[in-house]
Amino acid sequence: MRGIRILLLVISIMMNFKSGYGIENSKDPGKIYKQGVKEFKSGNYRKAIDYFMQVLLIQPKNVKARKYLKKCALEILKPKIEAMNLERQKMVLKAREYLFLKQKKFNLEELYKRAVKAYKKKQYLRAGEYFRKILEVSSDYKNTEEYFNQLEKKMYEISKDITSDPVSLSYAKGYISWWAGKIQEAKNEWEKYLALNGSNEEVEEYLKRAKKELELRAKEEYQREVEAKIRRIYKEGNSLFEKKKYIGAIKKFERVIVICDKEIIPSSDIWKEKSRKMIEKSLEELKKIAASVKKKKRKKVKKVEKKEIIDPEAAQRHYTQGLVAYAQGRLREAIREWDLALRLNPKHEKARLALQKAKKELGLEE
């Protein structure tokens, strides 16, 4: 008897989950709101945003639900924002470098003094950097070249001399690797140096820079890999579209959108927009085929084609993207997403209701 009860309970839970989280069937905005808050606190922002939208469909003036809707959108978009911040960071660094290049011509004397001072204090990493910057502008400024050559020779000789003390050896190897662009090797040597020598402000500064540079390189490599994957799948979708295999093409373009949402890179929005347009074109072509079939009264073929067009998972993704756009006040974008969701799954009731609400707010209701 107890086993039957457990079985019935499991079946009930599965049915509720399948029906769209179950609780909203009660149409009780209070219960739906509480469930939304629960999902939000659990980090299930895509589920939560859906619940808060259901509340707003029942209570359009529910301020708390609207605030949570915006919070969910921000959480969903957080990876994208972080990727954008990375790009801004790179732009800021480039801008600073550009400003330095413009200004350093007028600060050669100051830079030279700093370089010589660092050299005499045996801060060869800083001295080497300052001398390099001077040489970029003037190859014969005072005795910069002489100092620089001495410094390079000293570091090279120590790095190759196995009889050098371990601390000096690690410092020199780190110096050589850093200016050779071998950042990982430089990092390893400076970590070894600090382990042996305790602390050193100069080495700690360059170690921090090395770690930051490695992090940026790793992110750039990751972005290149993702970009290559997106490009390949998009190309496959285009190939299927040209072969008039529109359903297969839609699946490829939807795959691009999924990757862009999960693996954020600076060009994600561009690829998503291109894919959306190709999905819309594919749907238009399928609509033409359906119309042609209907005209010829080939009902059986029409039924199969219509069934294949529906893609519930893709429709749900576009529905959620519509919620995010709506939460941020981008109603026309939301309408476009929900319209696409309904074209992929005409039975998506939530998308239909949300679309009606957005159109009404924009005064587009028919």
Protein backbone atom coordinates (compact mmCIF):
# COMPACT_ATOMS: atom_id res chain seq x y z
CA MET A 1 0.00 0.00 0.00
CA ARG A 2 2.81 2.36 0.96
CA GLY A 3 4.56 1.54 -2.34
CA ILE A 4 1.43 2.47 -4.32
CA ARG A 5 1.19 5.81 -2.51
CA ILE A 6 4.80 6.62 -3.32
CA LEU A 7 4.22 5.67 -6.96
CA LEU A 8 1.16 7.90 -7.15
CA LEU A 9 3.11 10.75 -5.57
CA VAL A 10 5.92 10.40 -8.12
CA ILE A 11 3.42 10.33 -11.00
CA SER A 12 1.74 13.44 -9.60
CA ILE A 13 5.06 15.31 -9.38
CA MET A 14 6.00 14.30 -12.92
CA MET A 15 2.63 15.46 -14.24
CA ASN A 16 2.96 18.80 -12.49
CA PHE A 17 6.45 19.33 -13.85
CA LYS A 18 5.40 18.40 -17.37
CA SER A 19 2.43 20.76 -17.26
CA GLY A 20 4.69 23.80 -16.69
CA TYR A 21 5.72 23.71 -13.05
CA GLY A 22 2.16 22.86 -11.92
CA ILE A 23 1.56 25.58 -9.37
CA GLU A 24 0.54 28.27 -11.87
CA ASN A 25 -2.46 26.16 -12.89
CA SER A 26 -4.11 27.43 -9.70
CA LYS A 27 -4.01 30.98 -11.11
CA ASP A 28 -3.32 32.18 -7.58
CA PRO A 29 -0.84 35.06 -8.07
CA GLY A 30 0.27 34.83 -4.44
CA LYS A 31 1.31 31.20 -4.76
CA ILE A 32 2.93 31.75 -8.15
CA TYR A 33 4.86 34.75 -6.77
CA LYS A 34 6.14 32.74 -3.80
CA GLN A 35 7.27 29.96 -6.11
CA GLY A 36 9.05 32.53 -8.26
CA VAL A 37 10.88 33.91 -5.22
CA LYS A 38 11.85 30.36 -4.21
CA GLU A 39 13.27 29.62 -7.67
CA PHE A 40 15.10 32.97 -7.70
CA LYS A 41 16.77 32.29 -4.35
CA SER A 42 17.77 28.83 -5.63
CA GLY A 43 19.45 30.41 -8.64
CA ASN A 44 16.89 29.04 -11.15
CA TYR A 45 16.45 32.41 -12.82
CA ARG A 46 14.89 31.11 -16.06
CA LYS A 47 12.15 29.36 -14.13
CA ALA A 48 11.72 32.31 -11.78
CA ILE A 49 11.30 34.86 -14.59
CA ASP A 50 8.54 32.68 -16.04
CA TYR A 51 6.66 32.66 -12.73
CA PHE A 52 6.89 36.43 -12.30
CA MET A 53 5.58 36.93 -15.84
CA GLN A 54 2.60 34.72 -15.00
CA VAL A 55 1.93 36.94 -11.97
CA LEU A 56 2.02 40.06 -14.16
CA LEU A 57 -0.41 38.50 -16.63
CA ILE A 58 -2.87 38.20 -13.74
CA GLN A 59 -1.84 41.36 -11.85
CA PRO A 60 -0.25 43.81 -14.33
CA LYS A 61 0.44 46.36 -11.56
CA ASN A 62 2.23 43.97 -9.22
CA VAL A 63 5.35 46.06 -8.44
CA LYS A 64 7.18 43.30 -6.55
CA ALA A 65 6.80 40.81 -9.40
CA ARG A 66 8.04 43.39 -11.92
CA LYS A 67 11.12 44.14 -9.76
CA TYR A 68 11.93 40.45 -9.52
CA LEU A 69 11.40 40.12 -13.28
CA LYS A 70 14.14 42.72 -13.83
CA LYS A 71 16.43 41.03 -11.28
CA CYS A 72 16.03 37.70 -13.08
CA ALA A 73 16.88 39.33 -16.41
CA LEU A 74 20.06 40.81 -14.93
CA GLU A 75 21.12 37.44 -13.52
CA ILE A 76 20.44 35.68 -16.83
CA LEU A 77 22.45 38.33 -18.68
CA LYS A 78 25.31 38.38 -16.15
CA PRO A 79 27.68 36.16 -18.23
CA LYS A 80 27.12 38.42 -21.22
CA ILE A 81 27.80 41.53 -19.11
CA GLU A 82 31.03 39.98 -17.79
CA ALA A 83 32.17 39.25 -21.34
CA MET A 84 31.43 42.84 -22.32
CA ASN A 85 33.38 44.09 -19.28
CA LEU A 86 36.37 42.02 -20.42
CA GLU A 87 36.24 43.72 -23.80
CA ARG A 88 35.98 47.13 -22.13
CA GLN A 89 38.97 46.27 -19.96
CA LYS A 90 41.02 45.44 -23.06
CA MET A 91 39.90 48.70 -24.70
CA VAL A 92 40.89 50.69 -21.60
CA LEU A 93 44.35 49.10 -21.59
CA LYS A 94 44.78 49.92 -25.27
CA ALA A 95 43.59 53.49 -24.66
CA ARG A 96 46.08 53.91 -21.81
CA GLU A 97 48.86 52.56 -23.99
CA TYR A 98 47.87 54.98 -26.74
CA LEU A 99 47.86 57.92 -24.32
CA PHE A 100 51.25 56.90 -23.04
CA LEU A 101 52.63 56.77 -26.57
CA LYS A 102 51.35 60.30 -27.13
CA GLN A 103 52.71 61.65 -23.88
CA LYS A 104 55.97 59.80 -23.44
CA LYS A 105 57.75 61.87 -26.10
CA PHE A 106 57.54 64.78 -23.71
CA ASN A 107 58.60 62.76 -20.64
CA LEU A 108 61.82 61.16 -21.84
CA GLU A 109 63.95 62.90 -19.25
CA GLU A 110 61.70 61.78 -16.40
CA LEU A 111 61.49 58.26 -17.79
CA TYR A 112 65.26 58.11 -18.20
CA LYS A 113 65.77 59.15 -14.56
CA ARG A 114 63.38 56.44 -13.40
CA ALA A 115 65.12 53.84 -15.57
CA VAL A 116 68.59 54.68 -14.25
CA LYS A 117 67.32 54.76 -10.66
CA ALA A 118 65.70 51.32 -11.09
CA TYR A 119 68.88 49.97 -12.71
CA LYS A 120 71.03 51.13 -9.79
CA LYS A 121 68.58 49.58 -7.31
CA LYS A 122 68.86 46.30 -9.29
CA GLN A 123 65.20 46.49 -10.27
CA TYR A 124 66.02 45.21 -13.71
CA LEU A 125 62.45 44.38 -14.72
CA ARG A 126 61.35 47.99 -14.29
CA ALA A 127 64.60 49.39 -15.69
CA GLY A 128 64.30 47.17 -18.77
CA GLU A 129 60.73 48.30 -19.37
CA TYR A 130 61.60 52.01 -19.04
CA PHE A 131 64.64 51.73 -21.32
CA ARG A 132 62.54 49.91 -23.93
CA LYS A 133 59.94 52.69 -23.89
CA ILE A 134 62.65 55.33 -24.39
CA LEU A 135 64.19 53.37 -27.27
CA GLU A 136 60.79 53.16 -29.00
CA VAL A 137 60.90 56.94 -29.29
CA SER A 138 64.60 57.68 -29.57
CA SER A 139 67.34 55.13 -30.18
CA ASP A 140 70.11 57.56 -29.22
CA TYR A 141 68.70 59.29 -26.15
CA LYS A 142 71.66 59.91 -23.85
CA ASN A 143 73.25 56.54 -22.97
CA THR A 144 69.97 54.59 -22.86
CA GLU A 145 71.16 52.02 -25.38
CA GLU A 146 74.35 51.38 -23.41
CA TYR A 147 72.44 50.82 -20.18
CA PHE A 148 69.94 48.61 -21.94
CA ASN A 149 72.58 46.42 -23.59
CA GLN A 150 74.40 45.97 -20.29
CA LEU A 151 71.15 44.99 -18.61
CA GLU A 152 70.22 42.49 -21.31
CA LYS A 153 73.68 40.96 -21.27
CA LYS A 154 73.65 40.64 -17.47
CA MET A 155 70.25 38.93 -17.41
CA TYR A 156 71.15 36.59 -20.26
CA GLU A 157 74.43 35.51 -18.68
CA ILE A 158 72.89 34.85 -15.27
CA SER A 159 69.99 32.89 -16.83
CA LYS A 160 72.48 30.59 -18.59
CA ASP A 161 74.88 30.19 -15.68
CA ILE A 162 73.92 27.08 -13.72
CA THR A 163 76.32 28.12 -10.95
CA SER A 164 74.27 31.27 -10.25
CA ASP A 165 72.46 31.29 -6.92
CA PRO A 166 68.85 30.02 -7.27
CA VAL A 167 67.28 33.39 -6.42
CA SER A 168 69.26 35.35 -9.05
CA LEU A 169 68.74 32.54 -11.56
CA SER A 170 64.95 32.57 -11.17
CA TYR A 171 64.85 36.37 -11.43
CA ALA A 172 66.95 36.39 -14.62
CA LYS A 173 65.05 33.52 -16.22
CA GLY A 174 61.79 35.29 -15.43
CA TYR A 175 63.12 38.49 -17.02
CA ILE A 176 64.22 36.71 -20.23
CA SER A 177 60.96 34.75 -20.51
CA TRP A 178 58.80 37.85 -19.89
CA TRP A 179 60.37 39.86 -22.68
CA ALA A 180 60.34 36.83 -24.99
CA GLY A 181 56.57 36.64 -24.54
CA LYS A 182 56.80 33.35 -22.63
CA ILE A 183 54.49 34.53 -19.88
CA GLN A 184 53.81 31.14 -18.27
CA GLU A 185 57.54 30.46 -17.92
CA ALA A 186 58.09 33.92 -16.43
CA LYS A 187 55.27 33.33 -13.95
CA ASN A 188 56.76 30.00 -12.90
CA GLU A 189 60.21 31.54 -12.35
CA TRP A 190 58.89 34.46 -10.30
CA GLU A 191 56.80 32.16 -8.12
CA LYS A 192 59.97 30.14 -7.52
CA TYR A 193 61.87 33.36 -6.76
CA LEU A 194 59.30 34.46 -4.17
CA ALA A 195 59.26 31.00 -2.59
CA LEU A 196 63.03 31.26 -2.15
CA ASN A 197 63.35 34.96 -1.36
CA GLY A 198 60.21 35.69 0.64
CA SER A 199 58.94 38.97 -0.81
CA ASN A 200 59.97 41.52 -3.42
CA GLU A 201 57.70 44.39 -4.46
CA GLU A 202 58.99 44.52 -8.04
CA VAL A 203 58.71 40.77 -8.66
CA GLU A 204 55.27 40.67 -7.04
CA GLU A 205 54.12 43.46 -9.37
CA TYR A 206 55.31 41.63 -12.49
CA LEU A 207 53.96 38.30 -11.26
CA LYS A 208 50.55 39.94 -10.88
CA ARG A 209 50.84 41.32 -14.42
CA ALA A 210 51.85 37.89 -15.72
CA LYS A 211 48.81 36.25 -14.11
CA LYS A 212 46.52 38.90 -15.56
CA GLU A 213 48.06 38.48 -19.01
CA LEU A 214 47.66 34.69 -18.85
CA GLU A 215 44.04 35.11 -17.81
CA LEU A 216 43.37 37.43 -20.75
CA ARG A 217 45.11 35.04 -23.16
CA ALA A 218 43.10 32.09 -21.84
CA LYS A 219 39.85 34.02 -22.33
CA GLU A 220 40.87 35.09 -25.81
CA GLU A 221 41.75 31.49 -26.72
CA TYR A 222 38.41 30.32 -25.34
CA GLN A 223 36.62 33.00 -27.38
CA ARG A 224 38.44 31.91 -30.54
CA GLU A 225 37.45 28.27 -29.97
CA VAL A 226 33.80 29.20 -29.37
CA GLU A 227 33.79 31.49 -32.41
CA ALA A 228 35.16 28.68 -34.58
CA LYS A 229 32.50 26.27 -33.30
CA ILE A 230 29.70 28.79 -33.90
CA ARG A 231 30.99 29.58 -37.38
CA ARG A 232 31.13 25.88 -38.28
CA ILE A 233 27.58 25.13 -37.10
CA TYR A 234 26.20 28.29 -38.74
CA LYS A 235 27.86 27.26 -42.01
CA GLU A 236 26.28 23.80 -41.71
CA GLY A 237 22.89 25.48 -41.23
CA ASN A 238 23.40 27.63 -44.32
CA SER A 239 24.35 24.57 -46.32
CA LEU A 240 21.15 22.79 -45.26
CA PHE A 241 19.10 25.90 -46.06
CA GLU A 242 20.57 26.05 -49.58
CA LYS A 243 19.69 22.37 -50.03
CA LYS A 244 16.12 23.26 -48.96
CA LYS A 245 16.40 21.11 -45.84
CA TYR A 246 14.78 23.81 -43.74
CA ILE A 247 13.94 21.80 -40.62
CA GLY A 248 17.55 20.62 -40.33
CA ALA A 249 18.72 24.19 -40.95
CA ILE A 250 16.49 25.51 -38.15
CA LYS A 251 18.00 22.99 -35.73
CA LYS A 252 21.52 24.13 -36.64
CA PHE A 253 20.66 27.81 -36.22
CA GLU A 254 18.96 27.06 -32.91
CA ARG A 255 22.14 25.28 -31.84
CA VAL A 256 24.07 28.47 -32.59
CA ILE A 257 21.69 30.45 -30.35
CA VAL A 258 22.08 27.91 -27.54
CA ILE A 259 25.89 28.16 -27.72
CA CYS A 260 25.72 31.97 -27.78
CA ASP A 261 23.58 31.94 -24.63
CA LYS A 262 25.79 29.48 -22.76
CA GLU A 263 29.27 30.39 -23.99
CA ILE A 264 29.26 34.17 -24.13
CA ILE A 265 31.75 35.86 -26.45
CA PRO A 266 31.82 39.46 -27.80
CA SER A 267 30.24 38.41 -31.13
CA SER A 268 27.42 36.36 -29.54
CA ASP A 269 24.72 38.94 -30.29
CA ILE A 270 25.77 39.16 -33.94
CA TRP A 271 25.61 35.37 -34.41
CA LYS A 272 22.27 35.18 -32.57
CA GLU A 273 20.77 37.87 -34.79
CA LYS A 274 22.06 36.20 -37.96
CA SER A 275 20.68 32.84 -36.79
CA ARG A 276 17.28 34.34 -35.90
CA LYS A 277 17.00 35.81 -39.38
CA MET A 278 17.87 32.45 -40.96
CA ILE A 279 15.31 30.68 -38.74
CA GLU A 280 12.67 33.18 -39.86
CA LYS A 281 13.64 32.64 -43.51
CA SER A 282 13.47 28.88 -43.03
CA LEU A 283 10.03 29.14 -41.43
CA GLU A 284 8.85 31.30 -44.34
CA GLU A 285 10.05 28.65 -46.80
CA LEU A 286 8.26 25.94 -44.83
CA LYS A 287 5.12 28.08 -44.85
CA LYS A 288 5.34 28.26 -48.64
CA ILE A 289 5.72 24.49 -48.84
CA ALA A 290 2.71 23.99 -46.56
CA ALA A 291 0.63 26.38 -48.70
CA SER A 292 1.66 24.54 -51.86
CA VAL A 293 0.77 21.18 -50.35
CA LYS A 294 -2.60 22.48 -49.20
CA LYS A 295 -3.30 23.76 -52.66
CA LYS A 296 -2.61 20.33 -54.09
CA LYS A 297 -4.75 18.78 -51.33
CA ARG A 298 -1.93 16.52 -50.17
CA LYS A 299 -3.18 16.47 -46.59
CA LYS A 300 -1.01 13.58 -45.41
CA VAL A 301 2.22 15.28 -46.46
CA LYS A 302 1.01 18.55 -44.94
CA LYS A 303 0.34 16.84 -41.61
CA VAL A 304 3.86 15.36 -41.49
CA GLU A 305 5.46 18.70 -42.45
CA LYS A 306 3.45 20.60 -39.84
CA LYS A 307 4.43 18.15 -37.13
CA GLU A 308 8.12 18.48 -38.00
CA ILE A 309 8.03 22.27 -37.83
CA ILE A 310 7.22 22.31 -34.09
CA ASP A 311 10.30 22.51 -31.87
CA PRO A 312 9.18 22.86 -28.22
CA GLU A 313 12.69 23.26 -26.78
CA ALA A 314 13.64 26.01 -29.20
CA ALA A 315 10.29 27.68 -28.64
CA GLN A 316 10.87 27.68 -24.88
CA ARG A 317 14.29 29.27 -25.33
CA HIS A 318 12.83 32.08 -27.43
CA TYR A 319 10.05 32.50 -24.89
CA THR A 320 12.61 32.98 -22.10
CA GLN A 321 14.66 35.39 -24.23
CA GLY A 322 11.45 37.32 -24.75
CA LEU A 323 10.93 37.51 -20.98
CA VAL A 324 14.45 38.89 -20.51
CA ALA A 325 13.89 41.52 -23.22
CA TYR A 326 10.49 42.42 -21.73
CA ALA A 327 11.97 42.79 -18.23
CA GLN A 328 14.46 45.32 -19.62
CA GLY A 329 11.80 47.32 -21.43
CA ARG A 330 12.74 46.09 -24.92
CA LEU A 331 9.16 45.26 -25.87
CA ARG A 332 9.62 45.03 -29.64
CA GLU A 333 12.46 42.56 -29.21
CA ALA A 334 10.27 40.59 -26.77
CA ILE A 335 7.45 40.52 -29.32
CA ARG A 336 9.81 39.22 -31.96
CA GLU A 337 11.05 36.44 -29.65
CA TRP A 338 7.53 35.38 -28.65
CA ASP A 339 6.34 35.46 -32.23
CA LEU A 340 9.23 33.17 -33.15
CA ALA A 341 8.40 30.90 -30.20
CA LEU A 342 4.83 30.54 -31.46
CA ARG A 343 5.97 29.82 -35.00
CA LEU A 344 8.16 27.02 -33.65
CA ASN A 345 5.44 25.79 -31.30
CA PRO A 346 1.94 27.15 -32.03
CA LYS A 347 0.70 25.53 -28.79
CA HIS A 348 2.94 27.60 -26.52
CA GLU A 349 0.17 29.28 -24.50
CA LYS A 350 2.51 31.35 -22.30
CA ALA A 351 4.17 32.88 -25.36
CA ARG A 352 0.75 33.70 -26.82
CA LEU A 353 -0.41 35.46 -23.64
CA ALA A 354 2.88 37.30 -23.21
CA LEU A 355 2.76 38.41 -26.86
CA GLN A 356 -0.77 39.77 -26.39
CA LYS A 357 0.33 41.67 -23.27
CA ALA A 358 3.36 43.26 -24.95
CA LYS A 359 1.36 44.24 -28.04
CA LYS A 360 -1.30 45.80 -25.83
CA GLU A 361 1.33 47.83 -23.99
CA LEU A 362 2.71 49.10 -27.30
CA GLY A 363 -0.77 49.78 -28.66
CA LEU A 364 -0.36 47.14 -31.36
CA GLU A 365 -3.25 44.95 -30.26
CA GLU A 366 -5.42 44.00 -33.16
